[in-house]
Amino acid sequence: MRKVLIVAALVAASPASAGLVDPSVTSVTAPSGKPGYSMKCSGWMRTIEDCYKKAAELCPHGYVIENQQQSTQGIPQGNGSTVIIQRDYMLITCKDAPKQDAPAEKNPD
């Protein structure tokens, strides 16, 4: 029982439990030809919501989801059970910064 409590305390104090595990991000060229980011949103303590947060950090003016995939895989265990793993991936491109209007010219009188 003591070992279980120690492991539970270590997990609770880990960076992942504090929301510090970012999705895996790779710079890519999207099919549209624009620069983009490919993100792996699943894995230990990561969810699709983490990818949405990371996309907002990477693209301060907004982003477009070019592709999003989700798959589920069953991994047989030695004891006859199966562990189900969900895998999420997202490909985004950043929106351009809004163009500011040029200042109006003053008429010299």
PDB file of N, CA and C in Angstrom:
ATOM      1  N   MET A   1       0.826  -1.192   0.000  1.00  0.00           N
ATOM      2  CA  MET A   1       0.000   0.000   0.000  1.00  0.00           C
ATOM      3  C   MET A   1       0.871   1.256   0.000  1.00  0.00           C
ATOM      4  N   ARG A   2       1.988   1.200   0.710  1.00  0.00           N
ATOM      5  CA  ARG A   2       2.870   2.355   0.783  1.00  0.00           C
ATOM      6  C   ARG A   2       3.432   2.693  -0.600  1.00  0.00           C
ATOM      7  N   LYS A   3       3.771   1.653  -1.395  1.00  0.00           N
ATOM      8  CA  LYS A   3       4.303   1.883  -2.744  1.00  0.00           C
ATOM      9  C   LYS A   3       3.262   2.560  -3.623  1.00  0.00           C
ATOM     10  N   VAL A   4       2.014   2.164  -3.482  1.00  0.00           N
ATOM     11  CA  VAL A   4       0.937   2.768  -4.271  1.00  0.00           C
ATOM     12  C   VAL A   4       0.811   4.245  -3.923  1.00  0.00           C
ATOM     13  N   LEU A   5       0.892   4.599  -2.656  1.00  0.00           N
ATOM     14  CA  LEU A   5       0.785   5.991  -2.241  1.00  0.00           C
ATOM     15  C   LEU A   5       1.959   6.817  -2.755  1.00  0.00           C
ATOM     16  N   ILE A   6       3.158   6.235  -2.751  1.00  0.00           N
ATOM     17  CA  ILE A   6       4.328   6.947  -3.258  1.00  0.00           C
ATOM     18  C   ILE A   6       4.189   7.210  -4.747  1.00  0.00           C
ATOM     19  N   VAL A   7       3.765   6.197  -5.502  1.00  0.00           N
ATOM     20  CA  VAL A   7       3.573   6.371  -6.946  1.00  0.00           C
ATOM     21  C   VAL A   7       2.490   7.409  -7.205  1.00  0.00           C
ATOM     22  N   ALA A   8       1.398   7.360  -6.462  1.00  0.00           N
ATOM     23  CA  ALA A   8       0.316   8.334  -6.639  1.00  0.00           C
ATOM     24  C   ALA A   8       0.810   9.750  -6.355  1.00  0.00           C
ATOM     25  N   ALA A   9       1.652   9.909  -5.338  1.00  0.00           N
ATOM     26  CA  ALA A   9       2.191  11.231  -5.007  1.00  0.00           C
ATOM     27  C   ALA A   9       3.119  11.728  -6.107  1.00  0.00           C
ATOM     28  N   LEU A  10       3.928  10.841  -6.681  1.00  0.00           N
ATOM     29  CA  LEU A  10       4.824  11.234  -7.764  1.00  0.00           C
ATOM     30  C   LEU A  10       4.044  11.655  -9.007  1.00  0.00           C
ATOM     31  N   VAL A  11       2.993  10.922  -9.324  1.00  0.00           N
ATOM     32  CA  VAL A  11       2.170  11.283 -10.481  1.00  0.00           C
ATOM     33  C   VAL A  11       1.486  12.620 -10.248  1.00  0.00           C
ATOM     34  N   ALA A  12       0.980  12.844  -9.058  1.00  0.00           N
ATOM     35  CA  ALA A  12       0.295  14.103  -8.749  1.00  0.00           C
ATOM     36  C   ALA A  12       1.244  15.289  -8.829  1.00  0.00           C
ATOM     37  N   ALA A  13       2.521  15.065  -8.545  1.00  0.00           N
ATOM     38  CA  ALA A  13       3.500  16.153  -8.559  1.00  0.00           C
ATOM     39  C   ALA A  13       4.220  16.278  -9.903  1.00  0.00           C
ATOM     40  N   SER A  14       3.866  15.446 -10.853  1.00  0.00           N
ATOM     41  CA  SER A  14       4.572  15.454 -12.136  1.00  0.00           C
ATOM     42  C   SER A  14       4.174  16.655 -12.977  1.00  0.00           C
ATOM     43  N   PRO A  15       5.030  17.054 -13.940  1.00  0.00           N
ATOM     44  CA  PRO A  15       4.682  18.167 -14.829  1.00  0.00           C
ATOM     45  C   PRO A  15       3.412  17.904 -15.618  1.00  0.00           C
ATOM     46  N   ALA A  16       3.148  16.648 -15.962  1.00  0.00           N
ATOM     47  CA  ALA A  16       1.955  16.340 -16.749  1.00  0.00           C
ATOM     48  C   ALA A  16       0.688  16.646 -15.970  1.00  0.00           C
ATOM     49  N   SER A  17       0.669  16.297 -14.695  1.00  0.00           N
ATOM     50  CA  SER A  17      -0.538  16.549 -13.918  1.00  0.00           C
ATOM     51  C   SER A  17      -0.747  18.032 -13.671  1.00  0.00           C
ATOM     52  N   ALA A  18       0.298  18.808 -13.816  1.00  0.00           N
ATOM     53  CA  ALA A  18       0.176  20.259 -13.646  1.00  0.00           C
ATOM     54  C   ALA A  18      -0.176  20.944 -14.964  1.00  0.00           C
ATOM     55  N   GLY A  19      -0.447  20.163 -16.010  1.00  0.00           N
ATOM     56  CA  GLY A  19      -0.800  20.732 -17.301  1.00  0.00           C
ATOM     57  C   GLY A  19       0.399  21.256 -18.059  1.00  0.00           C
ATOM     58  N   LEU A  20       1.590  20.715 -17.785  1.00  0.00           N
ATOM     59  CA  LEU A  20       2.802  21.212 -18.423  1.00  0.00           C
ATOM     60  C   LEU A  20       3.288  20.331 -19.558  1.00  0.00           C
ATOM     61  N   VAL A  21       2.526  19.325 -19.946  1.00  0.00           N
ATOM     62  CA  VAL A  21       2.927  18.452 -21.037  1.00  0.00           C
ATOM     63  C   VAL A  21       2.270  18.968 -22.310  1.00  0.00           C
ATOM     64  N   ASP A  22       3.060  19.601 -23.150  1.00  0.00           N
ATOM     65  CA  ASP A  22       2.543  20.137 -24.406  1.00  0.00           C
ATOM     66  C   ASP A  22       2.429  19.033 -25.439  1.00  0.00           C
ATOM     67  N   PRO A  23       1.542  19.233 -26.405  1.00  0.00           N
ATOM     68  CA  PRO A  23       1.503  18.303 -27.527  1.00  0.00           C
ATOM     69  C   PRO A  23       2.829  18.325 -28.278  1.00  0.00           C
ATOM     70  N   SER A  24       3.128  17.230 -28.927  1.00  0.00           N
ATOM     71  CA  SER A  24       4.315  17.155 -29.769  1.00  0.00           C
ATOM     72  C   SER A  24       4.041  17.977 -31.028  1.00  0.00           C
ATOM     73  N   VAL A  25       4.898  18.966 -31.342  1.00  0.00           N
ATOM     74  CA  VAL A  25       4.670  19.892 -32.460  1.00  0.00           C
ATOM     75  C   VAL A  25       5.830  19.812 -33.441  1.00  0.00           C
ATOM     76  N   THR A  26       5.493  19.724 -34.743  1.00  0.00           N
ATOM     77  CA  THR A  26       6.490  19.713 -35.809  1.00  0.00           C
ATOM     78  C   THR A  26       6.095  20.752 -36.850  1.00  0.00           C
ATOM     79  N   SER A  27       7.045  21.591 -37.270  1.00  0.00           N
ATOM     80  CA  SER A  27       6.781  22.554 -38.347  1.00  0.00           C
ATOM     81  C   SER A  27       6.726  21.802 -39.671  1.00  0.00           C
ATOM     82  N   VAL A  28       5.693  22.087 -40.471  1.00  0.00           N
ATOM     83  CA  VAL A  28       5.491  21.399 -41.745  1.00  0.00           C
ATOM     84  C   VAL A  28       4.974  22.392 -42.785  1.00  0.00           C
ATOM     85  N   THR A  29       4.921  21.955 -44.020  1.00  0.00           N
ATOM     86  CA  THR A  29       4.227  22.696 -45.067  1.00  0.00           C
ATOM     87  C   THR A  29       2.894  21.996 -45.282  1.00  0.00           C
ATOM     88  N   ALA A  30       1.806  22.724 -45.108  1.00  0.00           N
ATOM     89  CA  ALA A  30       0.468  22.158 -45.256  1.00  0.00           C
ATOM     90  C   ALA A  30       0.166  21.888 -46.723  1.00  0.00           C
ATOM     91  N   PRO A  31      -0.817  21.051 -47.023  1.00  0.00           N
ATOM     92  CA  PRO A  31      -1.196  20.798 -48.419  1.00  0.00           C
ATOM     93  C   PRO A  31      -1.545  22.079 -49.184  1.00  0.00           C
ATOM     94  N   SER A  32      -1.973  23.102 -48.471  1.00  0.00           N
ATOM     95  CA  SER A  32      -2.308  24.383 -49.106  1.00  0.00           C
ATOM     96  C   SER A  32      -1.057  25.145 -49.531  1.00  0.00           C
ATOM     97  N   GLY A  33       0.131  24.660 -49.087  1.00  0.00           N
ATOM     98  CA  GLY A  33       1.382  25.336 -49.404  1.00  0.00           C
ATOM     99  C   GLY A  33       1.825  26.315 -48.333  1.00  0.00           C
ATOM    100  N   LYS A  34       0.946  26.584 -47.367  1.00  0.00           N
ATOM    101  CA  LYS A  34       1.287  27.504 -46.281  1.00  0.00           C
ATOM    102  C   LYS A  34       2.096  26.774 -45.211  1.00  0.00           C
ATOM    103  N   PRO A  35       2.933  27.512 -44.492  1.00  0.00           N
ATOM    104  CA  PRO A  35       3.616  26.897 -43.352  1.00  0.00           C
ATOM    105  C   PRO A  35       2.586  26.523 -42.291  1.00  0.00           C
ATOM    106  N   GLY A  36       2.831  25.417 -41.629  1.00  0.00           N
ATOM    107  CA  GLY A  36       1.883  24.980 -40.623  1.00  0.00           C
ATOM    108  C   GLY A  36       2.557  24.177 -39.537  1.00  0.00           C
ATOM    109  N   TYR A  37       1.727  23.584 -38.700  1.00  0.00           N
ATOM    110  CA  TYR A  37       2.203  22.782 -37.583  1.00  0.00           C
ATOM    111  C   TYR A  37       1.419  21.478 -37.529  1.00  0.00           C
ATOM    112  N   SER A  38       2.142  20.387 -37.393  1.00  0.00           N
ATOM    113  CA  SER A  38       1.539  19.085 -37.165  1.00  0.00           C
ATOM    114  C   SER A  38       1.683  18.781 -35.683  1.00  0.00           C
ATOM    115  N   MET A  39       0.581  18.414 -35.044  1.00  0.00           N
ATOM    116  CA  MET A  39       0.610  18.179 -33.604  1.00  0.00           C
ATOM    117  C   MET A  39       0.066  16.804 -33.262  1.00  0.00           C
ATOM    118  N   LYS A  40       0.764  16.112 -32.382  1.00  0.00           N
ATOM    119  CA  LYS A  40       0.287  14.862 -31.815  1.00  0.00           C
ATOM    120  C   LYS A  40      -0.361  15.241 -30.493  1.00  0.00           C
ATOM    121  N   CYS A  41      -1.652  15.029 -30.414  1.00  0.00           N
ATOM    122  CA  CYS A  41      -2.426  15.522 -29.274  1.00  0.00           C
ATOM    123  C   CYS A  41      -2.709  14.450 -28.242  1.00  0.00           C
ATOM    124  N   SER A  42      -2.227  13.248 -28.457  1.00  0.00           N
ATOM    125  CA  SER A  42      -2.530  12.168 -27.530  1.00  0.00           C
ATOM    126  C   SER A  42      -1.245  11.640 -26.925  1.00  0.00           C
ATOM    127  N   GLY A  43      -1.397  10.778 -25.980  1.00  0.00           N
ATOM    128  CA  GLY A  43      -0.251  10.237 -25.270  1.00  0.00           C
ATOM    129  C   GLY A  43      -0.470  10.435 -23.795  1.00  0.00           C
ATOM    130  N   TRP A  44       0.574  10.228 -23.036  1.00  0.00           N
ATOM    131  CA  TRP A  44       0.447  10.293 -21.590  1.00  0.00           C
ATOM    132  C   TRP A  44       0.044  11.696 -21.156  1.00  0.00           C
ATOM    133  N   MET A  45      -1.132  11.806 -20.587  1.00  0.00           N
ATOM    134  CA  MET A  45      -1.654  13.045 -20.008  1.00  0.00           C
ATOM    135  C   MET A  45      -1.900  14.150 -21.038  1.00  0.00           C
ATOM    136  N   ARG A  46      -2.067  13.802 -22.320  1.00  0.00           N
ATOM    137  CA  ARG A  46      -2.375  14.804 -23.347  1.00  0.00           C
ATOM    138  C   ARG A  46      -3.747  14.513 -23.934  1.00  0.00           C
ATOM    139  N   THR A  47      -4.467  15.573 -24.282  1.00  0.00           N
ATOM    140  CA  THR A  47      -5.782  15.430 -24.891  1.00  0.00           C
ATOM    141  C   THR A  47      -5.885  16.378 -26.078  1.00  0.00           C
ATOM    142  N   ILE A  48      -6.960  16.265 -26.827  1.00  0.00           N
ATOM    143  CA  ILE A  48      -7.186  17.147 -27.971  1.00  0.00           C
ATOM    144  C   ILE A  48      -7.294  18.602 -27.502  1.00  0.00           C
ATOM    145  N   GLU A  49      -7.802  18.812 -26.287  1.00  0.00           N
ATOM    146  CA  GLU A  49      -7.904  20.173 -25.751  1.00  0.00           C
ATOM    147  C   GLU A  49      -6.522  20.814 -25.610  1.00  0.00           C
ATOM    148  N   ASP A  50      -5.508  19.991 -25.308  1.00  0.00           N
ATOM    149  CA  ASP A  50      -4.145  20.513 -25.225  1.00  0.00           C
ATOM    150  C   ASP A  50      -3.681  21.033 -26.583  1.00  0.00           C
ATOM    151  N   CYS A  51      -4.111  20.375 -27.664  1.00  0.00           N
ATOM    152  CA  CYS A  51      -3.739  20.844 -29.001  1.00  0.00           C
ATOM    153  C   CYS A  51      -4.428  22.170 -29.327  1.00  0.00           C
ATOM    154  N   TYR A  52      -5.668  22.320 -28.927  1.00  0.00           N
ATOM    155  CA  TYR A  52      -6.349  23.595 -29.161  1.00  0.00           C
ATOM    156  C   TYR A  52      -5.635  24.732 -28.429  1.00  0.00           C
ATOM    157  N   LYS A  53      -5.217  24.468 -27.199  1.00  0.00           N
ATOM    158  CA  LYS A  53      -4.492  25.488 -26.435  1.00  0.00           C
ATOM    159  C   LYS A  53      -3.153  25.812 -27.095  1.00  0.00           C
ATOM    160  N   LYS A  54      -2.423  24.777 -27.545  1.00  0.00           N
ATOM    161  CA  LYS A  54      -1.127  24.992 -28.179  1.00  0.00           C
ATOM    162  C   LYS A  54      -1.304  25.736 -29.500  1.00  0.00           C
ATOM    163  N   ALA A  55      -2.340  25.418 -30.261  1.00  0.00           N
ATOM    164  CA  ALA A  55      -2.602  26.116 -31.517  1.00  0.00           C
ATOM    165  C   ALA A  55      -2.832  27.600 -31.267  1.00  0.00           C
ATOM    166  N   ALA A  56      -3.555  27.928 -30.212  1.00  0.00           N
ATOM    167  CA  ALA A  56      -3.792  29.339 -29.881  1.00  0.00           C
ATOM    168  C   ALA A  56      -2.490  30.042 -29.499  1.00  0.00           C
ATOM    169  N   GLU A  57      -1.572  29.319 -28.831  1.00  0.00           N
ATOM    170  CA  GLU A  57      -0.272  29.906 -28.485  1.00  0.00           C
ATOM    171  C   GLU A  57       0.574  30.135 -29.746  1.00  0.00           C
ATOM    172  N   LEU A  58       0.571  29.153 -30.655  1.00  0.00           N
ATOM    173  CA  LEU A  58       1.389  29.236 -31.859  1.00  0.00           C
ATOM    174  C   LEU A  58       0.865  30.276 -32.839  1.00  0.00           C
ATOM    175  N   CYS A  59      -0.434  30.492 -32.830  1.00  0.00           N
ATOM    176  CA  CYS A  59      -1.079  31.368 -33.816  1.00  0.00           C
ATOM    177  C   CYS A  59      -1.898  32.443 -33.092  1.00  0.00           C
ATOM    178  N   PRO A  60      -1.274  33.526 -32.678  1.00  0.00           N
ATOM    179  CA  PRO A  60      -1.986  34.535 -31.893  1.00  0.00           C
ATOM    180  C   PRO A  60      -3.128  35.223 -32.642  1.00  0.00           C
ATOM    181  N   HIS A  61      -3.146  35.144 -33.978  1.00  0.00           N
ATOM    182  CA  HIS A  61      -4.217  35.779 -34.754  1.00  0.00           C
ATOM    183  C   HIS A  61      -5.261  34.767 -35.212  1.00  0.00           C
ATOM    184  N   GLY A  62      -5.188  33.560 -34.664  1.00  0.00           N
ATOM    185  CA  GLY A  62      -6.137  32.510 -35.012  1.00  0.00           C
ATOM    186  C   GLY A  62      -5.490  31.471 -35.912  1.00  0.00           C
ATOM    187  N   TYR A  63      -6.199  30.391 -36.112  1.00  0.00           N
ATOM    188  CA  TYR A  63      -5.665  29.291 -36.913  1.00  0.00           C
ATOM    189  C   TYR A  63      -6.785  28.584 -37.662  1.00  0.00           C
ATOM    190  N   VAL A  64      -6.372  27.822 -38.669  1.00  0.00           N
ATOM    191  CA  VAL A  64      -7.290  27.007 -39.450  1.00  0.00           C
ATOM    192  C   VAL A  64      -6.860  25.561 -39.265  1.00  0.00           C
ATOM    193  N   ILE A  65      -7.810  24.695 -38.923  1.00  0.00           N
ATOM    194  CA  ILE A  65      -7.506  23.273 -38.817  1.00  0.00           C
ATOM    195  C   ILE A  65      -7.568  22.696 -40.227  1.00  0.00           C
ATOM    196  N   GLU A  66      -6.405  22.354 -40.772  1.00  0.00           N
ATOM    197  CA  GLU A  66      -6.313  21.812 -42.133  1.00  0.00           C
ATOM    198  C   GLU A  66      -6.719  20.339 -42.156  1.00  0.00           C
ATOM    199  N   ASN A  67      -6.390  19.614 -41.083  1.00  0.00           N
ATOM    200  CA  ASN A  67      -6.698  18.188 -41.008  1.00  0.00           C
ATOM    201  C   ASN A  67      -6.702  17.781 -39.538  1.00  0.00           C
ATOM    202  N   GLN A  68      -7.609  16.896 -39.206  1.00  0.00           N
ATOM    203  CA  GLN A  68      -7.657  16.369 -37.849  1.00  0.00           C
ATOM    204  C   GLN A  68      -8.010  14.895 -37.951  1.00  0.00           C
ATOM    205  N   GLN A  69      -7.219  14.051 -37.311  1.00  0.00           N
ATOM    206  CA  GLN A  69      -7.452  12.609 -37.363  1.00  0.00           C
ATOM    207  C   GLN A  69      -7.517  12.051 -35.959  1.00  0.00           C
ATOM    208  N   GLN A  70      -8.359  11.045 -35.825  1.00  0.00           N
ATOM    209  CA  GLN A  70      -8.495  10.367 -34.548  1.00  0.00           C
ATOM    210  C   GLN A  70      -8.586   8.877 -34.835  1.00  0.00           C
ATOM    211  N   SER A  71      -7.837   8.096 -34.093  1.00  0.00           N
ATOM    212  CA  SER A  71      -7.908   6.649 -34.253  1.00  0.00           C
ATOM    213  C   SER A  71      -7.858   5.994 -32.886  1.00  0.00           C
ATOM    214  N   THR A  72      -8.366   4.789 -32.845  1.00  0.00           N
ATOM    215  CA  THR A  72      -8.359   4.007 -31.615  1.00  0.00           C
ATOM    216  C   THR A  72      -7.665   2.690 -31.903  1.00  0.00           C
ATOM    217  N   GLN A  73      -6.806   2.272 -30.978  1.00  0.00           N
ATOM    218  CA  GLN A  73      -6.060   1.037 -31.166  1.00  0.00           C
ATOM    219  C   GLN A  73      -6.170   0.208 -29.895  1.00  0.00           C
ATOM    220  N   GLY A  74      -6.400  -1.082 -30.065  1.00  0.00           N
ATOM    221  CA  GLY A  74      -6.428  -2.003 -28.939  1.00  0.00           C
ATOM    222  C   GLY A  74      -5.097  -2.730 -28.845  1.00  0.00           C
ATOM    223  N   ILE A  75      -4.524  -2.774 -27.656  1.00  0.00           N
ATOM    224  CA  ILE A  75      -3.247  -3.455 -27.449  1.00  0.00           C
ATOM    225  C   ILE A  75      -3.492  -4.602 -26.470  1.00  0.00           C
ATOM    226  N   PRO A  76      -3.363  -5.850 -26.975  1.00  0.00           N
ATOM    227  CA  PRO A  76      -3.576  -7.004 -26.094  1.00  0.00           C
ATOM    228  C   PRO A  76      -2.528  -7.063 -24.983  1.00  0.00           C
ATOM    229  N   GLN A  77      -2.980  -7.411 -23.804  1.00  0.00           N
ATOM    230  CA  GLN A  77      -2.094  -7.559 -22.652  1.00  0.00           C
ATOM    231  C   GLN A  77      -1.890  -9.046 -22.368  1.00  0.00           C
ATOM    232  N   GLY A  78      -0.860  -9.361 -21.651  1.00  0.00           N
ATOM    233  CA  GLY A  78      -0.537 -10.751 -21.352  1.00  0.00           C
ATOM    234  C   GLY A  78      -1.586 -11.465 -20.518  1.00  0.00           C
ATOM    235  N   ASN A  79      -2.405 -10.732 -19.804  1.00  0.00           N
ATOM    236  CA  ASN A  79      -3.408 -11.349 -18.929  1.00  0.00           C
ATOM    237  C   ASN A  79      -4.747 -11.571 -19.631  1.00  0.00           C
ATOM    238  N   GLY A  80      -4.788 -11.368 -20.951  1.00  0.00           N
ATOM    239  CA  GLY A  80      -6.024 -11.575 -21.702  1.00  0.00           C
ATOM    240  C   GLY A  80      -6.866 -10.320 -21.875  1.00  0.00           C
ATOM    241  N   SER A  81      -6.517  -9.240 -21.211  1.00  0.00           N
ATOM    242  CA  SER A  81      -7.267  -7.996 -21.368  1.00  0.00           C
ATOM    243  C   SER A  81      -6.675  -7.179 -22.521  1.00  0.00           C
ATOM    244  N   THR A  82      -7.361  -6.130 -22.897  1.00  0.00           N
ATOM    245  CA  THR A  82      -6.911  -5.244 -23.969  1.00  0.00           C
ATOM    246  C   THR A  82      -6.952  -3.809 -23.464  1.00  0.00           C
ATOM    247  N   VAL A  83      -5.873  -3.087 -23.728  1.00  0.00           N
ATOM    248  CA  VAL A  83      -5.818  -1.668 -23.383  1.00  0.00           C
ATOM    249  C   VAL A  83      -6.177  -0.887 -24.644  1.00  0.00           C
ATOM    250  N   ILE A  84      -7.121   0.031 -24.528  1.00  0.00           N
ATOM    251  CA  ILE A  84      -7.556   0.852 -25.663  1.00  0.00           C
ATOM    252  C   ILE A  84      -6.818   2.182 -25.603  1.00  0.00           C
ATOM    253  N   ILE A  85      -6.180   2.542 -26.708  1.00  0.00           N
ATOM    254  CA  ILE A  85      -5.436   3.801 -26.799  1.00  0.00           C
ATOM    255  C   ILE A  85      -6.055   4.652 -27.892  1.00  0.00           C
ATOM    256  N   GLN A  86      -6.339   5.895 -27.562  1.00  0.00           N
ATOM    257  CA  GLN A  86      -6.855   6.838 -28.555  1.00  0.00           C
ATOM    258  C   GLN A  86      -5.716   7.724 -29.019  1.00  0.00           C
ATOM    259  N   ARG A  87      -5.603   7.918 -30.324  1.00  0.00           N
ATOM    260  CA  ARG A  87      -4.559   8.765 -30.896  1.00  0.00           C
ATOM    261  C   ARG A  87      -5.231   9.911 -31.657  1.00  0.00           C
ATOM    262  N   ASP A  88      -4.788  11.144 -31.348  1.00  0.00           N
ATOM    263  CA  ASP A  88      -5.331  12.336 -31.989  1.00  0.00           C
ATOM    264  C   ASP A  88      -4.196  13.120 -32.632  1.00  0.00           C
ATOM    265  N   TYR A  89      -4.426  13.578 -33.853  1.00  0.00           N
ATOM    266  CA  TYR A  89      -3.451  14.382 -34.574  1.00  0.00           C
ATOM    267  C   TYR A  89      -4.167  15.580 -35.178  1.00  0.00           C
ATOM    268  N   MET A  90      -3.451  16.700 -35.287  1.00  0.00           N
ATOM    269  CA  MET A  90      -4.045  17.910 -35.857  1.00  0.00           C
ATOM    270  C   MET A  90      -2.990  18.625 -36.702  1.00  0.00           C
ATOM    271  N   LEU A  91      -3.412  19.123 -37.858  1.00  0.00           N
ATOM    272  CA  LEU A  91      -2.563  19.933 -38.726  1.00  0.00           C
ATOM    273  C   LEU A  91      -3.220  21.303 -38.840  1.00  0.00           C
ATOM    274  N   ILE A  92      -2.475  22.346 -38.461  1.00  0.00           N
ATOM    275  CA  ILE A  92      -3.034  23.694 -38.498  1.00  0.00           C
ATOM    276  C   ILE A  92      -2.144  24.625 -39.314  1.00  0.00           C
ATOM    277  N   THR A  93      -2.750  25.698 -39.803  1.00  0.00           N
ATOM    278  CA  THR A  93      -2.007  26.829 -40.362  1.00  0.00           C
ATOM    279  C   THR A  93      -2.494  28.072 -39.629  1.00  0.00           C
ATOM    280  N   CYS A  94      -1.586  29.012 -39.467  1.00  0.00           N
ATOM    281  CA  CYS A  94      -1.926  30.246 -38.746  1.00  0.00           C
ATOM    282  C   CYS A  94      -2.579  31.248 -39.690  1.00  0.00           C
ATOM    283  N   LYS A  95      -3.544  31.966 -39.164  1.00  0.00           N
ATOM    284  CA  LYS A  95      -4.142  33.064 -39.919  1.00  0.00           C
ATOM    285  C   LYS A  95      -3.177  34.244 -39.897  1.00  0.00           C
ATOM    286  N   ASP A  96      -3.225  35.032 -40.946  1.00  0.00           N
ATOM    287  CA  ASP A  96      -2.379  36.216 -41.017  1.00  0.00           C
ATOM    288  C   ASP A  96      -2.881  37.281 -40.052  1.00  0.00           C
ATOM    289  N   ALA A  97      -1.976  38.133 -39.641  1.00  0.00           N
ATOM    290  CA  ALA A  97      -2.360  39.263 -38.796  1.00  0.00           C
ATOM    291  C   ALA A  97      -3.284  40.171 -39.596  1.00  0.00           C
ATOM    292  N   PRO A  98      -4.282  40.754 -38.960  1.00  0.00           N
ATOM    293  CA  PRO A  98      -5.161  41.663 -39.687  1.00  0.00           C
ATOM    294  C   PRO A  98      -4.370  42.855 -40.222  1.00  0.00           C
ATOM    295  N   LYS A  99      -4.691  43.222 -41.455  1.00  0.00           N
ATOM    296  CA  LYS A  99      -4.004  44.369 -42.059  1.00  0.00           C
ATOM    297  C   LYS A  99      -4.594  45.648 -41.504  1.00  0.00           C
ATOM    298  N   GLN A 100      -3.702  46.531 -41.139  1.00  0.00           N
ATOM    299  CA  GLN A 100      -4.159  47.813 -40.622  1.00  0.00           C
ATOM    300  C   GLN A 100      -4.294  48.787 -41.773  1.00  0.00           C
ATOM    301  N   ASP A 101      -5.321  49.616 -41.713  1.00  0.00           N
ATOM    302  CA  ASP A 101      -5.523  50.617 -42.750  1.00  0.00           C
ATOM    303  C   ASP A 101      -4.408  51.643 -42.704  1.00  0.00           C
ATOM    304  N   ALA A 102      -3.983  52.058 -43.868  1.00  0.00           N
ATOM    305  CA  ALA A 102      -2.977  53.105 -43.932  1.00  0.00           C
ATOM    306  C   ALA A 102      -3.580  54.403 -43.414  1.00  0.00           C
ATOM    307  N   PRO A 103      -2.786  55.196 -42.709  1.00  0.00           N
ATOM    308  CA  PRO A 103      -3.337  56.457 -42.211  1.00  0.00           C
ATOM    309  C   PRO A 103      -3.750  57.361 -43.370  1.00  0.00           C
ATOM    310  N   ALA A 104      -4.839  58.037 -43.185  1.00  0.00           N
ATOM    311  CA  ALA A 104      -5.333  58.948 -44.237  1.00  0.00           C
ATOM    312  C   ALA A 104      -4.363  60.085 -44.432  1.00  0.00           C
ATOM    313  N   GLU A 105      -4.173  60.439 -45.699  1.00  0.00           N
ATOM    314  CA  GLU A 105      -3.276  61.561 -45.995  1.00  0.00           C
ATOM    315  C   GLU A 105      -3.978  62.872 -45.654  1.00  0.00           C
ATOM    316  N   LYS A 106      -3.202  63.783 -45.149  1.00  0.00           N
ATOM    317  CA  LYS A 106      -3.749  65.096 -44.831  1.00  0.00           C
ATOM    318  C   LYS A 106      -3.631  65.962 -46.057  1.00  0.00           C
ATOM    319  N   ASN A 107      -4.651  66.751 -46.309  1.00  0.00           N
ATOM    320  CA  ASN A 107      -4.625  67.684 -47.423  1.00  0.00           C
ATOM    321  C   ASN A 107      -3.850  68.932 -47.028  1.00  0.00           C
ATOM    322  N   PRO A 108      -2.764  69.217 -47.727  1.00  0.00           N
ATOM    323  CA  PRO A 108      -2.066  70.477 -47.406  1.00  0.00           C
ATOM    324  C   PRO A 108      -2.859  71.656 -47.962  1.00  0.00           C
ATOM    325  N   ASP A 109      -3.187  72.567 -47.131  1.00  0.00           N
ATOM    326  CA  ASP A 109      -3.952  73.756 -47.559  1.00  0.00           C
ATOM    327  C   ASP A 109      -3.102  74.952 -47.635  1.00  0.00           C
TER     328      ASP A 109
END
